[in-house]
Each structure stands twice: as C-alpha cells, then as structure tokens.
Amino acid sequence: MSQMIRIVHRWTSLLFSLIVASIFVGMAVTTLPEWYYYLPLPPLFVLIPTGIYMFFMPYFGSQQDGLPAAEGST
C-alpha cells in the first residue's frame, strides 16, 4: 500500500508541475481563460493527503521498545 501511495504521489506531482509550467508559458504567449487557472487544483487535492501520509508514516510505522543505538549496550 505504501509503495502505491508513493507512485501515485510521484506521478501526480509530475502532472501538477507540468500544468503549472503550462500556465506560466500560456501567460507569456496569450491570455488564458479563467478556468485554466483551476487545472492544478485536482492534482493538488491528491498531493495533499498522500504527502501528509508519507510525512507521518515514519512516526506511526513500526514501533520499537528501545532506541536503536541503545540495543547493544548494557
């Protein structure tokens, strides 16, 4: 599951970046319709939950009873 979320996040971020770049190029070339500025929102709504999940995943992953550095010491 975690690997699939990473893949979705990676490809969605690529799509988001391309859309934003196309907006900047389009602004330099011509006047864009207003709806075109809303195109980054659907990928952004996917990026936010997947990014939050990946950010907090290390904190709620496998819990260990001790510190990793203190395992071998007495």
N, C-alpha and C. Protein backbone atom coordinates (compact mmCIF):
# COMPACT_ATOMS: atom_id res chain seq x y z
N MET A 1 0.83 -1.21 0.00
CA MET A 1 0.00 0.00 0.00
C MET A 1 0.86 1.25 0.00
N SER A 2 1.90 1.24 0.82
CA SER A 2 2.77 2.40 0.93
C SER A 2 3.49 2.68 -0.39
N GLN A 3 3.91 1.61 -1.06
CA GLN A 3 4.60 1.78 -2.34
C GLN A 3 3.66 2.38 -3.39
N MET A 4 2.40 1.97 -3.38
CA MET A 4 1.43 2.50 -4.33
C MET A 4 1.16 3.99 -4.07
N ILE A 5 1.12 4.38 -2.81
CA ILE A 5 0.91 5.79 -2.48
C ILE A 5 2.09 6.63 -2.96
N ARG A 6 3.30 6.11 -2.83
CA ARG A 6 4.49 6.82 -3.33
C ARG A 6 4.43 6.99 -4.84
N ILE A 7 4.01 5.95 -5.55
CA ILE A 7 3.93 6.03 -7.01
C ILE A 7 2.87 7.04 -7.44
N VAL A 8 1.71 6.99 -6.80
CA VAL A 8 0.64 7.95 -7.12
C VAL A 8 1.10 9.37 -6.84
N HIS A 9 1.77 9.57 -5.71
CA HIS A 9 2.26 10.91 -5.35
C HIS A 9 3.29 11.40 -6.36
N ARG A 10 4.18 10.51 -6.77
CA ARG A 10 5.24 10.88 -7.71
C ARG A 10 4.66 11.31 -9.05
N TRP A 11 3.75 10.51 -9.61
CA TRP A 11 3.19 10.84 -10.92
C TRP A 11 2.25 12.03 -10.86
N THR A 12 1.54 12.18 -9.76
CA THR A 12 0.65 13.33 -9.61
C THR A 12 1.47 14.61 -9.48
N SER A 13 2.60 14.54 -8.80
CA SER A 13 3.44 15.74 -8.68
C SER A 13 4.02 16.13 -10.04
N LEU A 14 4.33 15.14 -10.87
CA LEU A 14 4.80 15.44 -12.22
C LEU A 14 3.70 16.12 -13.03
N LEU A 15 2.49 15.58 -12.95
CA LEU A 15 1.36 16.19 -13.64
C LEU A 15 1.11 17.61 -13.15
N PHE A 16 1.15 17.80 -11.84
CA PHE A 16 0.94 19.13 -11.25
C PHE A 16 1.99 20.12 -11.76
N SER A 17 3.24 19.69 -11.79
CA SER A 17 4.32 20.57 -12.25
C SER A 17 4.16 20.95 -13.72
N LEU A 18 3.76 19.99 -14.53
CA LEU A 18 3.55 20.28 -15.95
C LEU A 18 2.38 21.25 -16.16
N ILE A 19 1.34 21.10 -15.39
CA ILE A 19 0.19 22.01 -15.51
C ILE A 19 0.59 23.43 -15.10
N VAL A 20 1.32 23.55 -14.01
CA VAL A 20 1.74 24.88 -13.56
C VAL A 20 2.70 25.50 -14.57
N ALA A 21 3.61 24.71 -15.12
CA ALA A 21 4.52 25.22 -16.14
C ALA A 21 3.75 25.67 -17.38
N SER A 22 2.72 24.92 -17.76
CA SER A 22 1.93 25.31 -18.93
C SER A 22 1.17 26.61 -18.68
N ILE A 23 0.79 26.85 -17.44
CA ILE A 23 0.13 28.12 -17.12
C ILE A 23 1.09 29.28 -17.31
N PHE A 24 2.33 29.12 -16.83
CA PHE A 24 3.30 30.21 -16.99
C PHE A 24 3.64 30.44 -18.47
N VAL A 25 3.78 29.37 -19.22
CA VAL A 25 4.05 29.52 -20.66
C VAL A 25 2.86 30.15 -21.34
N GLY A 26 1.68 29.71 -21.00
CA GLY A 26 0.47 30.27 -21.60
C GLY A 26 0.27 31.74 -21.28
N MET A 27 0.66 32.14 -20.07
CA MET A 27 0.55 33.56 -19.71
C MET A 27 1.49 34.42 -20.53
N ALA A 28 2.64 33.87 -20.90
CA ALA A 28 3.61 34.63 -21.70
C ALA A 28 3.17 34.73 -23.15
N VAL A 29 2.43 33.73 -23.62
CA VAL A 29 2.06 33.68 -25.03
C VAL A 29 0.75 34.40 -25.31
N THR A 30 -0.26 34.12 -24.49
CA THR A 30 -1.59 34.65 -24.77
C THR A 30 -2.37 34.83 -23.47
N THR A 31 -3.57 35.32 -23.60
CA THR A 31 -4.45 35.42 -22.45
C THR A 31 -5.20 34.11 -22.29
N LEU A 32 -5.11 33.53 -21.11
CA LEU A 32 -5.74 32.24 -20.85
C LEU A 32 -7.15 32.44 -20.30
N PRO A 33 -8.04 31.50 -20.59
CA PRO A 33 -9.37 31.58 -19.96
C PRO A 33 -9.26 31.33 -18.47
N GLU A 34 -10.19 31.83 -17.71
CA GLU A 34 -10.11 31.73 -16.26
C GLU A 34 -10.12 30.30 -15.75
N TRP A 35 -10.84 29.40 -16.40
CA TRP A 35 -10.93 28.02 -15.94
C TRP A 35 -9.57 27.33 -16.00
N TYR A 36 -8.68 27.81 -16.85
CA TYR A 36 -7.37 27.19 -16.99
C TYR A 36 -6.54 27.31 -15.72
N TYR A 37 -6.78 28.36 -14.95
CA TYR A 37 -6.03 28.57 -13.70
C TYR A 37 -6.47 27.59 -12.59
N TYR A 38 -7.61 26.95 -12.78
CA TYR A 38 -8.08 25.98 -11.80
C TYR A 38 -7.61 24.56 -12.09
N LEU A 39 -6.92 24.34 -13.20
CA LEU A 39 -6.46 23.00 -13.55
C LEU A 39 -5.50 22.37 -12.53
N PRO A 40 -4.65 23.13 -11.82
CA PRO A 40 -3.78 22.48 -10.83
C PRO A 40 -4.50 21.98 -9.58
N LEU A 41 -5.74 22.37 -9.38
CA LEU A 41 -6.42 22.00 -8.13
C LEU A 41 -6.70 20.51 -7.98
N PRO A 42 -7.20 19.78 -8.99
CA PRO A 42 -7.42 18.34 -8.77
C PRO A 42 -6.15 17.57 -8.41
N PRO A 43 -5.01 17.79 -9.12
CA PRO A 43 -3.80 17.09 -8.67
C PRO A 43 -3.36 17.52 -7.26
N LEU A 44 -3.60 18.77 -6.94
CA LEU A 44 -3.22 19.25 -5.61
C LEU A 44 -4.03 18.57 -4.53
N PHE A 45 -5.30 18.29 -4.81
CA PHE A 45 -6.14 17.59 -3.83
C PHE A 45 -5.71 16.14 -3.64
N VAL A 46 -4.97 15.59 -4.60
CA VAL A 46 -4.40 14.25 -4.43
C VAL A 46 -3.06 14.34 -3.71
N LEU A 47 -2.28 15.38 -4.01
CA LEU A 47 -0.95 15.53 -3.42
C LEU A 47 -1.00 15.79 -1.92
N ILE A 48 -1.98 16.53 -1.47
CA ILE A 48 -2.04 16.89 -0.05
C ILE A 48 -2.20 15.66 0.86
N PRO A 49 -3.21 14.79 0.66
CA PRO A 49 -3.31 13.65 1.57
C PRO A 49 -2.18 12.63 1.42
N THR A 50 -1.71 12.41 0.18
CA THR A 50 -0.61 11.46 0.02
C THR A 50 0.68 12.00 0.63
N GLY A 51 0.91 13.30 0.52
CA GLY A 51 2.09 13.89 1.13
C GLY A 51 2.03 13.86 2.64
N ILE A 52 0.86 14.13 3.20
CA ILE A 52 0.71 14.07 4.65
C ILE A 52 0.91 12.64 5.15
N TYR A 53 0.38 11.67 4.41
CA TYR A 53 0.56 10.27 4.79
C TYR A 53 2.04 9.90 4.79
N MET A 54 2.75 10.28 3.74
CA MET A 54 4.17 9.92 3.67
C MET A 54 5.00 10.67 4.71
N PHE A 55 4.57 11.87 5.08
CA PHE A 55 5.30 12.63 6.09
C PHE A 55 5.18 11.97 7.46
N PHE A 56 3.97 11.52 7.82
CA PHE A 56 3.76 10.95 9.14
C PHE A 56 3.99 9.44 9.22
N MET A 57 4.20 8.79 8.08
CA MET A 57 4.40 7.34 8.06
C MET A 57 5.57 6.89 8.94
N PRO A 58 6.72 7.55 8.95
CA PRO A 58 7.81 7.09 9.83
C PRO A 58 7.47 7.18 11.32
N TYR A 59 6.62 8.11 11.70
CA TYR A 59 6.29 8.29 13.11
C TYR A 59 5.31 7.24 13.62
N PHE A 60 4.44 6.75 12.74
CA PHE A 60 3.43 5.77 13.14
C PHE A 60 3.69 4.39 12.57
N GLY A 61 4.88 4.18 12.01
CA GLY A 61 5.22 2.88 11.43
C GLY A 61 5.49 1.86 12.51
N SER A 62 6.51 1.05 12.31
CA SER A 62 6.83 0.00 13.28
C SER A 62 7.39 0.63 14.55
N GLN A 63 6.70 0.42 15.64
CA GLN A 63 7.12 0.94 16.93
C GLN A 63 8.07 -0.05 17.60
N GLN A 64 9.19 0.46 18.12
CA GLN A 64 10.14 -0.39 18.82
C GLN A 64 10.19 0.05 20.28
N ASP A 65 10.54 -0.89 21.17
CA ASP A 65 10.54 -0.58 22.60
C ASP A 65 11.75 0.23 23.03
N GLY A 66 12.83 0.13 22.33
CA GLY A 66 14.04 0.84 22.75
C GLY A 66 14.58 1.70 21.64
N LEU A 67 15.60 2.46 21.98
CA LEU A 67 16.27 3.24 20.97
C LEU A 67 17.20 2.34 20.18
N PRO A 68 17.32 2.54 18.88
CA PRO A 68 18.18 1.67 18.09
C PRO A 68 19.64 1.72 18.51
N ALA A 69 20.13 2.85 19.00
CA ALA A 69 21.53 2.98 19.41
C ALA A 69 21.76 2.27 20.75
N ALA A 70 20.74 2.09 21.55
CA ALA A 70 20.90 1.53 22.88
C ALA A 70 20.64 0.01 22.92
N GLU A 71 20.39 -0.62 21.79
CA GLU A 71 20.06 -2.04 21.79
C GLU A 71 21.23 -2.92 22.23
N GLY A 72 22.44 -2.61 21.80
CA GLY A 72 23.57 -3.47 22.10
C GLY A 72 24.29 -3.12 23.38
N SER A 73 24.00 -1.99 23.97
CA SER A 73 24.72 -1.57 25.18
C SER A 73 24.05 -2.10 26.44
N THR A 74 24.82 -2.20 27.51
CA THR A 74 24.28 -2.66 28.80
C THR A 74 24.37 -1.59 29.85
